[in-house]
């Protein structure tokens, strides 16, 4: 996904499932200046939040398909300007990078960043020298409800004008892996290795699909309060 931001959007709501991922993503985004919140209480989104004040709504991968469609329609009706982002994986740093990708400043026209799957490399074309940072994330466990992951900085230094290829190291696996490149205030996010079918088959088609285990209740607010994180059923 190659995305340059169009404005100074700051208000983010993440609708997902895994408590630790949601809370960590909120912490990262808040530390970077965003007004970020997250919830796994799908039926309460419209009552818990004023969606008219949200700029970006991120959906986690395990949000039931029918729930996602319903929320898209309801939120769009109240806030036509909202930007929807489909999370690529339950990795907090990756979610934050996806948000940054749609909120950071525009890249100069002759700067180009792509991902070449055949070479497993980020390809960068610059018309002026710039600092480039390439990061990678990948899943180390995809066991619900709390997937685990790791992260590495692949490259971080100044590049001269011209064409450059930054290869993914061997430690980055061929599945459930992702990369983000930061140049001149813009962020570009790409999939390196797709999610395995064993995981994508778990995505609930409907809210009545109960194959996934219950999770701890999470509903955060910009003014942190004790009720930000509550045990399900309490």
C-alpha atoms as a PDB file:
ATOM      1  CA  UNK A   1       0.000   0.000   0.000  1.00  0.00           C
ATOM      2  CA  UNK A   2       1.558   3.288  -1.131  1.00  0.00           C
ATOM      3  CA  UNK A   3      -0.196   6.090   0.682  1.00  0.00           C
ATOM      4  CA  UNK A   4       0.734   9.737   1.094  1.00  0.00           C
ATOM      5  CA  UNK A   5      -1.326  11.791   3.487  1.00  0.00           C
ATOM      6  CA  UNK A   6      -3.550  14.637   2.380  1.00  0.00           C
ATOM      7  CA  UNK A   7      -4.028  16.590   5.630  1.00  0.00           C
ATOM      8  CA  UNK A   8      -3.151  16.762   9.310  1.00  0.00           C
ATOM      9  CA  UNK A   9      -5.606  14.108  10.442  1.00  0.00           C
ATOM     10  CA  UNK A  10      -5.102  13.248  14.100  1.00  0.00           C
ATOM     11  CA  UNK A  11      -8.199  11.464  15.484  1.00  0.00           C
ATOM     12  CA  UNK A  12      -8.109   7.678  15.211  1.00  0.00           C
ATOM     13  CA  UNK A  13     -10.372   4.842  16.357  1.00  0.00           C
ATOM     14  CA  UNK A  14      -9.188   1.236  16.103  1.00  0.00           C
ATOM     15  CA  UNK A  15     -11.924  -1.398  16.073  1.00  0.00           C
ATOM     16  CA  UNK A  16     -10.282  -4.764  16.590  1.00  0.00           C
ATOM     17  CA  UNK A  17     -10.214  -7.802  18.802  1.00  0.00           C
ATOM     18  CA  UNK A  18      -6.924  -8.539  20.590  1.00  0.00           C
ATOM     19  CA  UNK A  19      -6.705  -6.497  23.818  1.00  0.00           C
ATOM     20  CA  UNK A  20      -2.933  -6.194  24.057  1.00  0.00           C
ATOM     21  CA  UNK A  21      -2.553  -5.253  20.402  1.00  0.00           C
ATOM     22  CA  UNK A  22      -5.264  -2.597  20.692  1.00  0.00           C
ATOM     23  CA  UNK A  23      -3.795  -1.040  23.816  1.00  0.00           C
ATOM     24  CA  UNK A  24      -0.237  -1.054  22.495  1.00  0.00           C
ATOM     25  CA  UNK A  25      -1.328   0.507  19.191  1.00  0.00           C
ATOM     26  CA  UNK A  26      -3.143   3.271  21.093  1.00  0.00           C
ATOM     27  CA  UNK A  27      -0.042   3.924  23.212  1.00  0.00           C
ATOM     28  CA  UNK A  28       2.184   4.163  20.122  1.00  0.00           C
ATOM     29  CA  UNK A  29      -0.176   6.500  18.287  1.00  0.00           C
ATOM     30  CA  UNK A  30      -0.681   8.735  21.323  1.00  0.00           C
ATOM     31  CA  UNK A  31       3.098   8.961  21.757  1.00  0.00           C
ATOM     32  CA  UNK A  32       3.263  10.226  18.162  1.00  0.00           C
ATOM     33  CA  UNK A  33       0.702  12.960  18.707  1.00  0.00           C
ATOM     34  CA  UNK A  34      -2.510  11.256  17.621  1.00  0.00           C
ATOM     35  CA  UNK A  35      -5.766  11.335  19.536  1.00  0.00           C
ATOM     36  CA  UNK A  36      -6.182   7.579  19.428  1.00  0.00           C
ATOM     37  CA  UNK A  37      -8.646   5.149  20.960  1.00  0.00           C
ATOM     38  CA  UNK A  38      -9.529   1.500  20.506  1.00  0.00           C
ATOM     39  CA  UNK A  39     -12.367  -0.876  21.264  1.00  0.00           C
ATOM     40  CA  UNK A  40     -13.311  -4.520  20.827  1.00  0.00           C
ATOM     41  CA  UNK A  41     -16.943  -3.855  21.737  1.00  0.00           C
ATOM     42  CA  UNK A  42     -18.309  -3.846  18.211  1.00  0.00           C
ATOM     43  CA  UNK A  43     -21.955  -3.276  19.125  1.00  0.00           C
ATOM     44  CA  UNK A  44     -21.128  -0.212  21.231  1.00  0.00           C
ATOM     45  CA  UNK A  45     -18.990   1.781  18.801  1.00  0.00           C
ATOM     46  CA  UNK A  46     -21.659   4.379  18.050  1.00  0.00           C
ATOM     47  CA  UNK A  47     -22.692   4.790  21.679  1.00  0.00           C
ATOM     48  CA  UNK A  48     -19.162   4.859  23.133  1.00  0.00           C
ATOM     49  CA  UNK A  49     -17.671   7.266  20.572  1.00  0.00           C
ATOM     50  CA  UNK A  50     -18.767  10.321  18.622  1.00  0.00           C
ATOM     51  CA  UNK A  51     -17.835   8.986  15.198  1.00  0.00           C
ATOM     52  CA  UNK A  52     -18.512  12.409  13.683  1.00  0.00           C
ATOM     53  CA  UNK A  53     -15.247  13.480  15.323  1.00  0.00           C
ATOM     54  CA  UNK A  54     -13.144  10.582  13.981  1.00  0.00           C
ATOM     55  CA  UNK A  55     -10.808  11.061  11.018  1.00  0.00           C
ATOM     56  CA  UNK A  56      -9.602   7.468  10.635  1.00  0.00           C
ATOM     57  CA  UNK A  57     -11.285   4.205  11.574  1.00  0.00           C
ATOM     58  CA  UNK A  58      -9.035   1.136  11.499  1.00  0.00           C
ATOM     59  CA  UNK A  59     -10.567  -2.339  11.298  1.00  0.00           C
ATOM     60  CA  UNK A  60      -8.710  -5.323  12.734  1.00  0.00           C
ATOM     61  CA  UNK A  61      -8.559  -8.469  10.682  1.00  0.00           C
ATOM     62  CA  UNK A  62     -10.782 -10.505  12.987  1.00  0.00           C
ATOM     63  CA  UNK A  63     -13.727  -8.101  12.998  1.00  0.00           C
ATOM     64  CA  UNK A  64     -16.656 -10.147  11.592  1.00  0.00           C
ATOM     65  CA  UNK A  65     -17.357  -9.350   7.959  1.00  0.00           C
ATOM     66  CA  UNK A  66     -20.986  -8.373   8.513  1.00  0.00           C
ATOM     67  CA  UNK A  67     -20.051  -6.212  11.514  1.00  0.00           C
ATOM     68  CA  UNK A  68     -17.453  -4.378   9.448  1.00  0.00           C
ATOM     69  CA  UNK A  69     -19.952  -3.735   6.663  1.00  0.00           C
ATOM     70  CA  UNK A  70     -22.550  -2.485   9.135  1.00  0.00           C
ATOM     71  CA  UNK A  71     -20.117  -0.128  10.852  1.00  0.00           C
ATOM     72  CA  UNK A  72     -18.836   1.194   7.537  1.00  0.00           C
ATOM     73  CA  UNK A  73     -22.358   2.124   6.543  1.00  0.00           C
ATOM     74  CA  UNK A  74     -23.321   3.617   9.891  1.00  0.00           C
ATOM     75  CA  UNK A  75     -20.121   5.613  10.347  1.00  0.00           C
ATOM     76  CA  UNK A  76     -20.101   6.845   6.739  1.00  0.00           C
ATOM     77  CA  UNK A  77     -23.677   8.087   7.111  1.00  0.00           C
ATOM     78  CA  UNK A  78     -22.685  10.185  10.122  1.00  0.00           C
ATOM     79  CA  UNK A  79     -19.214  11.160   8.914  1.00  0.00           C
ATOM     80  CA  UNK A  80     -18.731  11.012   5.117  1.00  0.00           C
ATOM     81  CA  UNK A  81     -15.168  12.337   5.462  1.00  0.00           C
ATOM     82  CA  UNK A  82     -13.892   9.428   7.546  1.00  0.00           C
ATOM     83  CA  UNK A  83     -11.046   7.327   6.126  1.00  0.00           C
ATOM     84  CA  UNK A  84     -11.313   3.565   6.627  1.00  0.00           C
ATOM     85  CA  UNK A  85      -8.131   1.509   6.946  1.00  0.00           C
ATOM     86  CA  UNK A  86      -8.033  -2.279   6.888  1.00  0.00           C
ATOM     87  CA  UNK A  87      -5.391  -3.490   9.316  1.00  0.00           C
ATOM     88  CA  UNK A  88      -2.951  -5.894   7.712  1.00  0.00           C
ATOM     89  CA  UNK A  89      -2.173  -7.885  10.851  1.00  0.00           C
ATOM     90  CA  UNK A  90      -2.520  -7.842  14.629  1.00  0.00           C
ATOM     91  CA  UNK A  91       0.803  -6.053  15.104  1.00  0.00           C
ATOM     92  CA  UNK A  92       0.629  -2.783  17.012  1.00  0.00           C
ATOM     93  CA  UNK A  93       3.599  -1.081  15.358  1.00  0.00           C
ATOM     94  CA  UNK A  94       2.305  -2.036  11.926  1.00  0.00           C
ATOM     95  CA  UNK A  95      -1.142  -0.634  12.700  1.00  0.00           C
ATOM     96  CA  UNK A  96       0.477   2.631  13.797  1.00  0.00           C
ATOM     97  CA  UNK A  97       2.516   2.739  10.583  1.00  0.00           C
ATOM     98  CA  UNK A  98      -0.648   2.227   8.521  1.00  0.00           C
ATOM     99  CA  UNK A  99      -2.247   5.184  10.291  1.00  0.00           C
ATOM    100  CA  UNK A 100       0.836   7.301   9.673  1.00  0.00           C
ATOM    101  CA  UNK A 101       0.731   6.314   6.003  1.00  0.00           C
ATOM    102  CA  UNK A 102      -2.620   8.060   5.565  1.00  0.00           C
ATOM    103  CA  UNK A 103      -1.823  11.094   7.704  1.00  0.00           C
ATOM    104  CA  UNK A 104       1.738  12.129   6.908  1.00  0.00           C
ATOM    105  CA  UNK A 105       2.770  14.911   4.538  1.00  0.00           C
ATOM    106  CA  UNK A 106       2.914  14.549   0.770  1.00  0.00           C
ATOM    107  CA  UNK A 107       6.028  13.122  -0.860  1.00  0.00           C
ATOM    108  CA  UNK A 108       7.780  15.112  -3.639  1.00  0.00           C
ATOM    109  CA  UNK A 109       6.449  14.068  -7.038  1.00  0.00           C
ATOM    110  CA  UNK A 110       9.706  12.483  -8.198  1.00  0.00           C
ATOM    111  CA  UNK A 111      10.133  10.390  -5.058  1.00  0.00           C
ATOM    112  CA  UNK A 112       8.876   6.848  -5.576  1.00  0.00           C
ATOM    113  CA  UNK A 113       8.703   3.948  -3.136  1.00  0.00           C
ATOM    114  CA  UNK A 114       7.494   0.483  -4.175  1.00  0.00           C
ATOM    115  CA  UNK A 115       7.965  -3.109  -3.096  1.00  0.00           C
ATOM    116  CA  UNK A 116       9.317  -5.736  -5.508  1.00  0.00           C
ATOM    117  CA  UNK A 117       8.117  -9.148  -4.380  1.00  0.00           C
ATOM    118  CA  UNK A 118      10.413 -11.046  -6.745  1.00  0.00           C
ATOM    119  CA  UNK A 119      13.463  -9.345  -5.233  1.00  0.00           C
ATOM    120  CA  UNK A 120      12.020  -9.050  -1.709  1.00  0.00           C
ATOM    121  CA  UNK A 121      13.218  -5.474  -1.784  1.00  0.00           C
ATOM    122  CA  UNK A 122      11.899  -1.984  -1.184  1.00  0.00           C
ATOM    123  CA  UNK A 123      12.710   0.102  -4.271  1.00  0.00           C
ATOM    124  CA  UNK A 124      13.316   3.800  -3.673  1.00  0.00           C
ATOM    125  CA  UNK A 125      13.802   6.513  -6.287  1.00  0.00           C
ATOM    126  CA  UNK A 126      14.909   9.932  -5.038  1.00  0.00           C
ATOM    127  CA  UNK A 127      15.444  13.205  -6.881  1.00  0.00           C
ATOM    128  CA  UNK A 128      17.149  14.690  -3.829  1.00  0.00           C
ATOM    129  CA  UNK A 129      19.117  13.244  -0.937  1.00  0.00           C
ATOM    130  CA  UNK A 130      16.963  12.099   1.976  1.00  0.00           C
ATOM    131  CA  UNK A 131      17.099   9.950   5.067  1.00  0.00           C
ATOM    132  CA  UNK A 132      15.321   6.636   4.591  1.00  0.00           C
ATOM    133  CA  UNK A 133      14.214   4.252   7.297  1.00  0.00           C
ATOM    134  CA  UNK A 134      12.942   0.785   6.430  1.00  0.00           C
ATOM    135  CA  UNK A 135      11.352  -1.346   9.152  1.00  0.00           C
ATOM    136  CA  UNK A 136       9.913  -4.858   9.120  1.00  0.00           C
ATOM    137  CA  UNK A 137       7.405  -6.666  11.326  1.00  0.00           C
ATOM    138  CA  UNK A 138       6.402 -10.297  11.315  1.00  0.00           C
ATOM    139  CA  UNK A 139       4.247 -12.613  13.360  1.00  0.00           C
ATOM    140  CA  UNK A 140       5.942 -15.052  15.721  1.00  0.00           C
ATOM    141  CA  UNK A 141       2.667 -16.577  16.897  1.00  0.00           C
ATOM    142  CA  UNK A 142      -0.745 -16.278  15.275  1.00  0.00           C
ATOM    143  CA  UNK A 143      -2.606 -17.999  18.082  1.00  0.00           C
ATOM    144  CA  UNK A 144      -5.762 -16.047  18.988  1.00  0.00           C
ATOM    145  CA  UNK A 145      -6.720 -14.079  20.919  1.00  0.00           C
ATOM    146  CA  UNK A 146      -3.257 -12.554  21.431  1.00  0.00           C
ATOM    147  CA  UNK A 147      -0.950 -12.858  18.417  1.00  0.00           C
ATOM    148  CA  UNK A 148       2.726 -12.115  18.991  1.00  0.00           C
ATOM    149  CA  UNK A 149       5.238 -10.478  16.696  1.00  0.00           C
ATOM    150  CA  UNK A 150       8.707  -9.020  16.410  1.00  0.00           C
ATOM    151  CA  UNK A 151      10.267  -6.041  14.658  1.00  0.00           C
ATOM    152  CA  UNK A 152      13.568  -4.952  13.160  1.00  0.00           C
ATOM    153  CA  UNK A 153      14.999  -1.836  11.551  1.00  0.00           C
ATOM    154  CA  UNK A 154      16.278  -3.039   8.187  1.00  0.00           C
ATOM    155  CA  UNK A 155      17.846   0.210   7.033  1.00  0.00           C
ATOM    156  CA  UNK A 156      18.277   3.699   8.491  1.00  0.00           C
ATOM    157  CA  UNK A 157      20.588   6.216   6.823  1.00  0.00           C
ATOM    158  CA  UNK A 158      20.833   8.978   4.269  1.00  0.00           C
ATOM    159  CA  UNK A 159      20.463   8.107   0.597  1.00  0.00           C
ATOM    160  CA  UNK A 160      21.756  10.098  -2.340  1.00  0.00           C
ATOM    161  CA  UNK A 161      19.563  10.923  -5.369  1.00  0.00           C
ATOM    162  CA  UNK A 162      18.939   7.966  -7.667  1.00  0.00           C
ATOM    163  CA  UNK A 163      17.594   4.426  -7.495  1.00  0.00           C
ATOM    164  CA  UNK A 164      18.064   2.195  -4.451  1.00  0.00           C
ATOM    165  CA  UNK A 165      17.012  -1.330  -3.486  1.00  0.00           C
ATOM    166  CA  UNK A 166      16.742  -2.262   0.190  1.00  0.00           C
ATOM    167  CA  UNK A 167      16.504  -6.042   0.575  1.00  0.00           C
ATOM    168  CA  UNK A 168      14.612  -7.776   3.337  1.00  0.00           C
ATOM    169  CA  UNK A 169      16.981  -9.793   5.547  1.00  0.00           C
ATOM    170  CA  UNK A 170      16.639 -13.556   5.654  1.00  0.00           C
ATOM    171  CA  UNK A 171      15.154 -13.404   9.138  1.00  0.00           C
ATOM    172  CA  UNK A 172      11.996 -11.806   7.707  1.00  0.00           C
ATOM    173  CA  UNK A 173       9.780 -14.803   6.858  1.00  0.00           C
ATOM    174  CA  UNK A 174       7.788 -15.362   3.678  1.00  0.00           C
ATOM    175  CA  UNK A 175       4.434 -15.217   5.455  1.00  0.00           C
ATOM    176  CA  UNK A 176       2.742 -12.823   7.886  1.00  0.00           C
ATOM    177  CA  UNK A 177       5.447 -10.197   7.333  1.00  0.00           C
ATOM    178  CA  UNK A 178       5.283  -6.499   6.485  1.00  0.00           C
ATOM    179  CA  UNK A 179       7.490  -3.484   5.905  1.00  0.00           C
ATOM    180  CA  UNK A 180       7.240   0.296   6.217  1.00  0.00           C
ATOM    181  CA  UNK A 181       9.489   2.927   4.664  1.00  0.00           C
ATOM    182  CA  UNK A 182       9.781   6.506   5.973  1.00  0.00           C
ATOM    183  CA  UNK A 183      11.103   9.237   3.697  1.00  0.00           C
ATOM    184  CA  UNK A 184      10.678  13.010   3.930  1.00  0.00           C
ATOM    185  CA  UNK A 185       7.843  12.704   6.424  1.00  0.00           C
ATOM    186  CA  UNK A 186       5.864  10.166   4.403  1.00  0.00           C
ATOM    187  CA  UNK A 187       5.267   6.514   5.240  1.00  0.00           C
ATOM    188  CA  UNK A 188       4.727   3.624   2.805  1.00  0.00           C
ATOM    189  CA  UNK A 189       3.498   0.247   4.035  1.00  0.00           C
ATOM    190  CA  UNK A 190       3.734  -3.038   2.099  1.00  0.00           C
ATOM    191  CA  UNK A 191       3.024  -6.715   2.638  1.00  0.00           C
ATOM    192  CA  UNK A 192       6.158  -8.850   2.367  1.00  0.00           C
ATOM    193  CA  UNK A 193       4.559 -12.230   3.065  1.00  0.00           C
ATOM    194  CA  UNK A 194       0.767 -12.774   3.103  1.00  0.00           C
ATOM    195  CA  UNK A 195      -1.154 -14.070   6.068  1.00  0.00           C
ATOM    196  CA  UNK A 196      -1.393 -17.891   5.968  1.00  0.00           C
ATOM    197  CA  UNK A 197      -4.711 -19.418   4.953  1.00  0.00           C
ATOM    198  CA  UNK A 198      -4.945 -21.121   8.359  1.00  0.00           C
ATOM    199  CA  UNK A 199      -5.397 -17.629   9.820  1.00  0.00           C
ATOM    200  CA  UNK A 200      -7.568 -16.050   7.137  1.00  0.00           C
ATOM    201  CA  UNK A 201      -9.976 -18.975   7.464  1.00  0.00           C
ATOM    202  CA  UNK A 202     -10.597 -17.914  11.068  1.00  0.00           C
ATOM    203  CA  UNK A 203     -12.032 -14.519  10.086  1.00  0.00           C
ATOM    204  CA  UNK A 204     -15.671 -14.626  11.255  1.00  0.00           C
ATOM    205  CA  UNK A 205     -18.215 -14.092   8.511  1.00  0.00           C
ATOM    206  CA  UNK A 206     -20.822 -12.936  10.997  1.00  0.00           C
ATOM    207  CA  UNK A 207     -21.201 -11.708  14.562  1.00  0.00           C
ATOM    208  CA  UNK A 208     -22.794 -15.024  15.475  1.00  0.00           C
ATOM    209  CA  UNK A 209     -19.642 -16.971  14.521  1.00  0.00           C
ATOM    210  CA  UNK A 210     -18.209 -18.035  17.892  1.00  0.00           C
ATOM    211  CA  UNK A 211     -15.144 -20.000  16.794  1.00  0.00           C
ATOM    212  CA  UNK A 212     -12.723 -17.505  18.322  1.00  0.00           C
ATOM    213  CA  UNK A 213     -12.151 -17.431  22.100  1.00  0.00           C
ATOM    214  CA  UNK A 214     -13.603 -14.694  24.293  1.00  0.00           C
ATOM    215  CA  UNK A 215     -11.351 -11.722  24.987  1.00  0.00           C
ATOM    216  CA  UNK A 216     -10.898  -9.140  27.692  1.00  0.00           C
ATOM    217  CA  UNK A 217     -13.044  -6.060  27.158  1.00  0.00           C
ATOM    218  CA  UNK A 218     -11.263  -2.944  25.900  1.00  0.00           C
ATOM    219  CA  UNK A 219     -12.820   0.493  25.469  1.00  0.00           C
ATOM    220  CA  UNK A 220     -10.332   3.359  25.703  1.00  0.00           C
ATOM    221  CA  UNK A 221     -10.968   7.088  25.883  1.00  0.00           C
ATOM    222  CA  UNK A 222      -8.698  10.028  25.183  1.00  0.00           C
ATOM    223  CA  UNK A 223      -8.934  10.999  28.828  1.00  0.00           C
ATOM    224  CA  UNK A 224      -7.661   7.701  30.314  1.00  0.00           C
ATOM    225  CA  UNK A 225      -9.919   6.353  33.026  1.00  0.00           C
ATOM    226  CA  UNK A 226     -10.042   3.148  35.101  1.00  0.00           C
ATOM    227  CA  UNK A 227     -12.756   1.742  32.864  1.00  0.00           C
ATOM    228  CA  UNK A 228     -10.450   1.848  29.845  1.00  0.00           C
ATOM    229  CA  UNK A 229      -9.815  -1.847  30.226  1.00  0.00           C
ATOM    230  CA  UNK A 230     -12.414  -4.122  31.813  1.00  0.00           C
ATOM    231  CA  UNK A 231     -12.741  -7.855  32.009  1.00  0.00           C
ATOM    232  CA  UNK A 232     -15.400  -9.174  29.668  1.00  0.00           C
ATOM    233  CA  UNK A 233     -18.655  -9.642  31.513  1.00  0.00           C
ATOM    234  CA  UNK A 234     -17.760  -7.186  34.302  1.00  0.00           C
END
